[in-house]
Amino acid sequence: MEWTSIIAIFALFWVISAFLVLPFGVKTHDELGIDKVRGQADSAPGNFRPVTVIMRTTLLALTLFGIFYANYIYGWITAETFDFIKVPKG
């Protein structure tokens, strides 16, 4: 696998992981007992910590990419695994 492909696939895993990680640990201003700014949405986060989100996202993306790359090397799951319609040859 080319290194450019590795970077591109890891970036995809990172973005997907970011969307998976974002909702965890976030609380609204009402839940934290903090005053809201005038015009602020009721659902706006009051304790958003971007460094924590980046670290969790990176760890999840590394784990998922590691599994993906191991499957690429060892071929545990291939396209033939999902070939549910077996056509007889001949």
N, C-alpha and C. Protein backbone atom coordinates (compact mmCIF):
# COMPACT_ATOMS: atom_id res chain seq x y z
N MET A 1 0.86 -1.17 0.00
CA MET A 1 0.00 0.00 0.00
C MET A 1 0.90 1.24 0.00
N GLU A 2 0.61 2.17 -0.87
CA GLU A 2 1.39 3.41 -0.97
C GLU A 2 1.17 4.27 0.27
N TRP A 3 2.17 5.07 0.62
CA TRP A 3 2.06 5.91 1.82
C TRP A 3 1.00 6.99 1.64
N THR A 4 0.76 7.43 0.41
CA THR A 4 -0.30 8.41 0.17
C THR A 4 -1.67 7.81 0.43
N SER A 5 -1.82 6.53 0.07
CA SER A 5 -3.07 5.84 0.36
C SER A 5 -3.28 5.67 1.86
N ILE A 6 -2.20 5.38 2.56
CA ILE A 6 -2.27 5.23 4.02
C ILE A 6 -2.74 6.54 4.66
N ILE A 7 -2.18 7.65 4.21
CA ILE A 7 -2.55 8.96 4.77
C ILE A 7 -4.02 9.27 4.45
N ALA A 8 -4.44 9.02 3.22
CA ALA A 8 -5.81 9.32 2.82
C ALA A 8 -6.81 8.46 3.58
N ILE A 9 -6.54 7.17 3.71
CA ILE A 9 -7.45 6.28 4.42
C ILE A 9 -7.48 6.62 5.91
N PHE A 10 -6.32 6.94 6.50
CA PHE A 10 -6.31 7.34 7.90
C PHE A 10 -7.11 8.63 8.10
N ALA A 11 -7.00 9.55 7.18
CA ALA A 11 -7.77 10.80 7.28
C ALA A 11 -9.27 10.52 7.26
N LEU A 12 -9.70 9.59 6.43
CA LEU A 12 -11.11 9.21 6.40
C LEU A 12 -11.54 8.60 7.73
N PHE A 13 -10.71 7.71 8.27
CA PHE A 13 -11.01 7.12 9.58
C PHE A 13 -11.05 8.20 10.65
N TRP A 14 -10.17 9.20 10.56
CA TRP A 14 -10.12 10.25 11.57
C TRP A 14 -11.40 11.09 11.55
N VAL A 15 -11.85 11.46 10.37
CA VAL A 15 -13.07 12.28 10.26
C VAL A 15 -14.29 11.50 10.75
N ILE A 16 -14.39 10.24 10.36
CA ILE A 16 -15.51 9.41 10.83
C ILE A 16 -15.46 9.27 12.35
N SER A 17 -14.26 9.06 12.89
CA SER A 17 -14.10 8.93 14.34
C SER A 17 -14.47 10.23 15.05
N ALA A 18 -14.17 11.36 14.45
CA ALA A 18 -14.51 12.65 15.07
C ALA A 18 -16.02 12.77 15.26
N PHE A 19 -16.77 12.37 14.24
CA PHE A 19 -18.23 12.43 14.37
C PHE A 19 -18.75 11.44 15.40
N LEU A 20 -18.06 10.33 15.58
CA LEU A 20 -18.46 9.36 16.59
C LEU A 20 -18.14 9.84 18.01
N VAL A 21 -17.04 10.56 18.17
CA VAL A 21 -16.56 10.97 19.49
C VAL A 21 -17.20 12.27 19.98
N LEU A 22 -17.58 13.15 19.08
CA LEU A 22 -18.07 14.48 19.46
C LEU A 22 -19.17 14.51 20.52
N PRO A 23 -20.18 13.66 20.46
CA PRO A 23 -21.28 13.80 21.43
C PRO A 23 -20.95 13.36 22.86
N PHE A 24 -19.89 12.61 23.06
CA PHE A 24 -19.60 12.06 24.38
C PHE A 24 -18.97 13.09 25.32
N GLY A 25 -19.54 13.22 26.51
CA GLY A 25 -19.00 14.09 27.54
C GLY A 25 -19.39 15.55 27.44
N VAL A 26 -20.25 15.89 26.50
CA VAL A 26 -20.66 17.28 26.32
C VAL A 26 -21.93 17.53 27.11
N LYS A 27 -21.96 18.65 27.84
CA LYS A 27 -23.14 19.04 28.61
C LYS A 27 -23.54 20.46 28.24
N THR A 28 -24.83 20.73 28.33
CA THR A 28 -25.32 22.07 28.02
C THR A 28 -25.09 23.00 29.20
N HIS A 29 -25.33 24.28 28.97
CA HIS A 29 -25.18 25.27 30.03
C HIS A 29 -26.17 25.01 31.16
N ASP A 30 -27.36 24.58 30.79
CA ASP A 30 -28.37 24.28 31.81
C ASP A 30 -27.92 23.12 32.70
N GLU A 31 -27.33 22.09 32.12
CA GLU A 31 -26.86 20.94 32.89
C GLU A 31 -25.71 21.32 33.81
N LEU A 32 -24.89 22.27 33.38
CA LEU A 32 -23.75 22.70 34.18
C LEU A 32 -24.09 23.83 35.15
N GLY A 33 -25.26 24.43 34.98
CA GLY A 33 -25.65 25.54 35.83
C GLY A 33 -24.96 26.84 35.50
N ILE A 34 -24.57 27.01 34.25
CA ILE A 34 -23.87 28.22 33.78
C ILE A 34 -24.88 29.11 33.08
N ASP A 35 -24.72 30.42 33.24
CA ASP A 35 -25.60 31.37 32.55
C ASP A 35 -25.33 31.33 31.05
N LYS A 36 -26.43 31.42 30.27
CA LYS A 36 -26.32 31.43 28.82
C LYS A 36 -26.16 32.86 28.31
N VAL A 37 -25.50 32.97 27.17
CA VAL A 37 -25.35 34.25 26.49
C VAL A 37 -26.65 34.53 25.75
N ARG A 38 -27.03 35.78 25.68
CA ARG A 38 -28.26 36.16 25.00
C ARG A 38 -28.22 35.71 23.53
N GLY A 39 -29.26 35.00 23.09
CA GLY A 39 -29.33 34.51 21.72
C GLY A 39 -28.71 33.13 21.52
N GLN A 40 -28.18 32.56 22.56
CA GLN A 40 -27.51 31.26 22.47
C GLN A 40 -28.54 30.13 22.38
N ALA A 41 -28.23 29.12 21.60
CA ALA A 41 -29.12 27.95 21.49
C ALA A 41 -29.12 27.18 22.79
N ASP A 42 -30.27 26.61 23.13
CA ASP A 42 -30.37 25.84 24.37
C ASP A 42 -29.47 24.61 24.36
N SER A 43 -29.18 24.09 23.18
CA SER A 43 -28.39 22.87 23.07
C SER A 43 -26.88 23.13 22.91
N ALA A 44 -26.45 24.38 22.99
CA ALA A 44 -25.03 24.69 22.80
C ALA A 44 -24.20 24.09 23.94
N PRO A 45 -23.04 23.51 23.63
CA PRO A 45 -22.23 22.89 24.68
C PRO A 45 -21.62 23.94 25.60
N GLY A 46 -21.56 23.60 26.88
CA GLY A 46 -20.97 24.50 27.86
C GLY A 46 -19.58 24.09 28.28
N ASN A 47 -19.18 22.88 27.92
CA ASN A 47 -17.87 22.38 28.35
C ASN A 47 -17.10 21.73 27.20
N PHE A 48 -17.15 22.31 26.03
CA PHE A 48 -16.46 21.74 24.87
C PHE A 48 -14.96 21.83 25.08
N ARG A 49 -14.27 20.68 24.98
CA ARG A 49 -12.82 20.62 25.14
C ARG A 49 -12.21 20.03 23.86
N PRO A 50 -11.75 20.86 22.96
CA PRO A 50 -11.27 20.37 21.66
C PRO A 50 -10.04 19.46 21.76
N VAL A 51 -9.16 19.71 22.71
CA VAL A 51 -7.97 18.86 22.83
C VAL A 51 -8.36 17.43 23.20
N THR A 52 -9.31 17.30 24.11
CA THR A 52 -9.79 15.98 24.50
C THR A 52 -10.46 15.28 23.33
N VAL A 53 -11.24 16.01 22.57
CA VAL A 53 -11.91 15.44 21.40
C VAL A 53 -10.87 14.98 20.37
N ILE A 54 -9.85 15.77 20.14
CA ILE A 54 -8.80 15.43 19.18
C ILE A 54 -8.04 14.19 19.63
N MET A 55 -7.73 14.11 20.92
CA MET A 55 -7.00 12.94 21.44
C MET A 55 -7.85 11.67 21.32
N ARG A 56 -9.12 11.75 21.73
CA ARG A 56 -9.99 10.58 21.64
C ARG A 56 -10.20 10.17 20.18
N THR A 57 -10.36 11.15 19.32
CA THR A 57 -10.56 10.87 17.89
C THR A 57 -9.34 10.19 17.30
N THR A 58 -8.16 10.68 17.64
CA THR A 58 -6.93 10.11 17.12
C THR A 58 -6.74 8.67 17.60
N LEU A 59 -7.02 8.42 18.88
CA LEU A 59 -6.88 7.06 19.41
C LEU A 59 -7.86 6.09 18.72
N LEU A 60 -9.10 6.53 18.55
CA LEU A 60 -10.08 5.69 17.88
C LEU A 60 -9.70 5.46 16.42
N ALA A 61 -9.25 6.52 15.74
CA ALA A 61 -8.86 6.39 14.33
C ALA A 61 -7.65 5.46 14.18
N LEU A 62 -6.68 5.56 15.09
CA LEU A 62 -5.52 4.67 15.04
C LEU A 62 -5.93 3.21 15.23
N THR A 63 -6.85 2.98 16.16
CA THR A 63 -7.33 1.62 16.40
C THR A 63 -8.05 1.07 15.18
N LEU A 64 -8.98 1.85 14.64
CA LEU A 64 -9.74 1.40 13.47
C LEU A 64 -8.84 1.21 12.26
N PHE A 65 -7.89 2.13 12.06
CA PHE A 65 -6.98 2.00 10.92
C PHE A 65 -6.06 0.79 11.11
N GLY A 66 -5.65 0.54 12.35
CA GLY A 66 -4.82 -0.63 12.62
C GLY A 66 -5.53 -1.92 12.25
N ILE A 67 -6.81 -2.02 12.59
CA ILE A 67 -7.60 -3.19 12.23
C ILE A 67 -7.74 -3.27 10.71
N PHE A 68 -8.00 -2.13 10.07
CA PHE A 68 -8.13 -2.10 8.61
C PHE A 68 -6.83 -2.55 7.94
N TYR A 69 -5.70 -2.04 8.41
CA TYR A 69 -4.41 -2.38 7.80
C TYR A 69 -4.05 -3.84 8.03
N ALA A 70 -4.34 -4.35 9.23
CA ALA A 70 -4.09 -5.77 9.50
C ALA A 70 -4.94 -6.64 8.58
N ASN A 71 -6.18 -6.24 8.33
CA ASN A 71 -7.02 -6.98 7.40
C ASN A 71 -6.46 -6.89 5.98
N TYR A 72 -5.92 -5.74 5.63
CA TYR A 72 -5.31 -5.57 4.31
C TYR A 72 -4.12 -6.52 4.14
N ILE A 73 -3.31 -6.65 5.19
CA ILE A 73 -2.12 -7.50 5.12
C ILE A 73 -2.49 -8.99 5.16
N TYR A 74 -3.35 -9.37 6.10
CA TYR A 74 -3.65 -10.79 6.32
C TYR A 74 -4.86 -11.30 5.56
N GLY A 75 -5.70 -10.42 5.02
CA GLY A 75 -6.82 -10.84 4.20
C GLY A 75 -7.90 -11.60 4.95
N TRP A 76 -8.23 -11.19 6.15
CA TRP A 76 -9.27 -11.87 6.94
C TRP A 76 -10.63 -11.75 6.25
N ILE A 77 -10.97 -10.55 5.81
CA ILE A 77 -12.24 -10.31 5.13
C ILE A 77 -11.92 -9.78 3.74
N THR A 78 -12.40 -10.47 2.73
CA THR A 78 -12.15 -10.07 1.34
C THR A 78 -13.47 -9.84 0.63
N ALA A 79 -13.42 -9.47 -0.63
CA ALA A 79 -14.63 -9.25 -1.42
C ALA A 79 -15.40 -10.55 -1.58
N GLU A 80 -14.70 -11.68 -1.64
CA GLU A 80 -15.36 -12.97 -1.78
C GLU A 80 -16.18 -13.33 -0.54
N THR A 81 -15.85 -12.74 0.59
CA THR A 81 -16.61 -12.99 1.82
C THR A 81 -18.06 -12.54 1.66
N PHE A 82 -18.28 -11.49 0.89
CA PHE A 82 -19.61 -10.94 0.70
C PHE A 82 -20.29 -11.40 -0.59
N ASP A 83 -19.73 -12.40 -1.23
CA ASP A 83 -20.33 -12.95 -2.44
C ASP A 83 -21.35 -14.01 -2.03
N PHE A 84 -22.59 -13.57 -1.81
CA PHE A 84 -23.63 -14.45 -1.30
C PHE A 84 -24.30 -15.27 -2.41
N ILE A 85 -24.15 -14.85 -3.64
CA ILE A 85 -24.74 -15.56 -4.76
C ILE A 85 -23.62 -16.32 -5.46
N LYS A 86 -23.55 -17.59 -5.20
CA LYS A 86 -22.50 -18.43 -5.79
C LYS A 86 -22.97 -18.91 -7.16
N VAL A 87 -22.29 -18.46 -8.19
CA VAL A 87 -22.62 -18.86 -9.55
C VAL A 87 -21.72 -20.04 -9.92
N PRO A 88 -22.31 -21.16 -10.30
CA PRO A 88 -21.47 -22.32 -10.67
C PRO A 88 -20.68 -22.01 -11.94
N LYS A 89 -19.43 -22.42 -11.91
CA LYS A 89 -18.57 -22.20 -13.07
C LYS A 89 -18.75 -23.36 -14.06
N GLY A 90 -18.74 -23.01 -15.31
CA GLY A 90 -18.83 -24.09 -16.27
C GLY A 90 -19.66 -23.82 -17.39
